[in-house]
Amino acid sequence: MPSNLLLASAIIALLVIALPILFHLTRYLGAREDNTRKNEPYESGVRLTHRDAYDSFNIRFYTVGIIFLLFDVEVLFMFPWALNLRELGLFAMMEMFVFMALLIAGLIYVYKSKVLQWT
């Protein structure tokens, strides 16, 4: 049996044995303080998560989510570009600088229009 296979099987066996033991130890040795405050639902700064279906959330939650998605998707466009920069050449680098300048302009617009301020 190769040494790599022996090492991998020993690590897997150790994990299969050690993890359940550790989970049970934390259950018995950990602090057990149950109170109503600890068990309250709390999500994204909103105390009550169970409301009437016709109640509306503040529009700021949606705008922050949309702005996050926009800038997050732009990072997905930058990653393959960064991996292939040498093959793409100087034109692609200038193109990405224009792309980043547009992103920065959008970020400045969001900041100046005070979309992300909660007061």
Protein backbone atom coordinates (compact mmCIF):
# COMPACT_ATOMS: atom_id res chain seq x y z
CA MET A 1 0.00 0.00 0.00
CA PRO A 2 1.51 3.38 -0.96
CA SER A 3 2.38 5.70 1.90
CA ASN A 4 0.10 8.49 0.58
CA LEU A 5 -2.91 6.18 0.60
CA LEU A 6 -2.04 4.99 4.10
CA LEU A 7 -1.72 8.57 5.35
CA ALA A 8 -5.00 9.64 3.74
CA SER A 9 -6.90 6.67 5.18
CA ALA A 10 -5.42 7.33 8.63
CA ILE A 11 -6.52 10.99 8.50
CA ILE A 12 -10.03 10.03 7.37
CA ALA A 13 -10.30 7.39 10.12
CA LEU A 14 -9.12 9.90 12.70
CA LEU A 15 -11.71 12.45 11.55
CA VAL A 16 -14.50 9.87 11.55
CA ILE A 17 -13.67 8.95 15.13
CA ALA A 18 -12.67 12.36 16.53
CA LEU A 19 -15.45 14.60 15.18
CA PRO A 20 -18.41 12.84 16.82
CA ILE A 21 -16.50 12.67 20.10
CA LEU A 22 -15.73 16.40 19.96
CA PHE A 23 -19.35 17.26 19.14
CA HIS A 24 -20.57 15.28 22.13
CA LEU A 25 -17.95 16.85 24.40
CA THR A 26 -19.00 20.37 23.45
CA ARG A 27 -22.60 19.48 24.15
CA TYR A 28 -21.83 18.30 27.66
CA LEU A 29 -19.03 20.72 28.59
CA GLY A 30 -20.38 23.90 27.00
CA ALA A 31 -22.48 26.55 28.68
CA ARG A 32 -26.21 25.86 28.62
CA GLU A 33 -28.02 29.10 29.20
CA ASP A 34 -31.37 29.20 27.52
CA ASN A 35 -33.32 32.40 27.80
CA THR A 36 -35.96 34.13 25.72
CA ARG A 37 -33.61 36.90 24.60
CA LYS A 38 -31.10 34.43 23.21
CA ASN A 39 -33.76 32.47 21.33
CA GLU A 40 -35.36 35.50 19.65
CA PRO A 41 -35.17 35.63 15.87
CA TYR A 42 -32.86 38.40 14.68
CA GLU A 43 -31.93 38.95 11.08
CA SER A 44 -30.16 41.87 9.43
CA GLY A 45 -31.08 44.40 12.07
CA VAL A 46 -34.79 43.52 12.00
CA ARG A 47 -36.16 42.24 15.32
CA LEU A 48 -39.39 40.66 14.13
CA THR A 49 -38.89 38.31 11.24
CA HIS A 50 -42.45 36.96 11.34
CA ARG A 51 -44.75 39.70 10.14
CA ASP A 52 -47.83 40.05 8.08
CA ALA A 53 -47.20 39.32 4.40
CA TYR A 54 -48.51 42.75 3.42
CA ASP A 55 -46.09 44.67 5.65
CA SER A 56 -43.29 46.22 3.67
CA PHE A 57 -39.60 46.50 4.46
CA ASN A 58 -37.71 49.72 4.23
CA ILE A 59 -36.59 50.38 0.66
CA ARG A 60 -33.02 50.86 1.86
CA PHE A 61 -32.66 47.11 2.38
CA TYR A 62 -33.37 46.55 -1.31
CA THR A 63 -31.11 49.36 -2.54
CA VAL A 64 -28.19 48.13 -0.46
CA GLY A 65 -28.76 44.62 -1.79
CA ILE A 66 -28.89 45.77 -5.41
CA ILE A 67 -25.77 47.94 -5.04
CA PHE A 68 -23.94 45.02 -3.43
CA LEU A 69 -24.93 42.69 -6.27
CA LEU A 70 -23.83 45.19 -8.91
CA PHE A 71 -20.37 45.65 -7.45
CA ASP A 72 -20.04 41.96 -6.64
CA VAL A 73 -20.79 40.90 -10.21
CA GLU A 74 -18.22 43.39 -11.47
CA VAL A 75 -15.56 41.59 -9.45
CA LEU A 76 -16.56 38.40 -11.25
CA PHE A 77 -15.73 40.15 -14.52
CA MET A 78 -12.34 41.25 -13.22
CA PHE A 79 -11.15 37.84 -12.06
CA PRO A 80 -10.82 36.10 -15.46
CA TRP A 81 -9.31 39.27 -16.88
CA ALA A 82 -6.62 39.24 -14.18
CA LEU A 83 -5.81 35.59 -14.89
CA ASN A 84 -5.37 36.20 -18.63
CA LEU A 85 -3.79 39.65 -18.56
CA ARG A 86 -0.50 38.62 -20.21
CA GLU A 87 -2.23 36.97 -23.16
CA LEU A 88 -4.74 39.82 -23.59
CA GLY A 89 -2.15 42.57 -23.90
CA LEU A 90 -2.14 46.33 -23.47
CA PHE A 91 -5.55 46.96 -25.08
CA ALA A 92 -7.31 44.77 -22.51
CA MET A 93 -5.48 46.54 -19.72
CA MET A 94 -6.65 49.95 -20.94
CA GLU A 95 -10.15 48.54 -21.39
CA MET A 96 -10.18 47.35 -17.77
CA PHE A 97 -8.99 50.77 -16.57
CA VAL A 98 -11.98 52.32 -18.32
CA PHE A 99 -14.23 49.69 -16.75
CA MET A 100 -12.82 50.40 -13.27
CA ALA A 101 -13.17 54.14 -13.83
CA LEU A 102 -16.87 53.62 -14.59
CA LEU A 103 -17.20 51.57 -11.41
CA ILE A 104 -15.51 54.26 -9.36
CA ALA A 105 -17.77 56.87 -10.94
CA GLY A 106 -20.79 54.77 -9.95
CA LEU A 107 -19.47 54.42 -6.41
CA ILE A 108 -18.93 58.17 -6.17
CA TYR A 109 -22.48 58.73 -7.44
CA VAL A 110 -23.89 56.36 -4.81
CA TYR A 111 -21.86 58.07 -2.10
CA LYS A 112 -22.81 61.61 -3.15
CA SER A 113 -26.51 60.79 -3.52
CA LYS A 114 -26.42 59.43 0.07
CA VAL A 115 -28.19 56.21 -0.83
CA LEU A 116 -26.39 54.24 1.86
CA GLN A 117 -27.12 56.62 4.74
CA TRP A 118 -29.77 55.37 7.15
CA THR A 119 -30.64 58.63 8.86
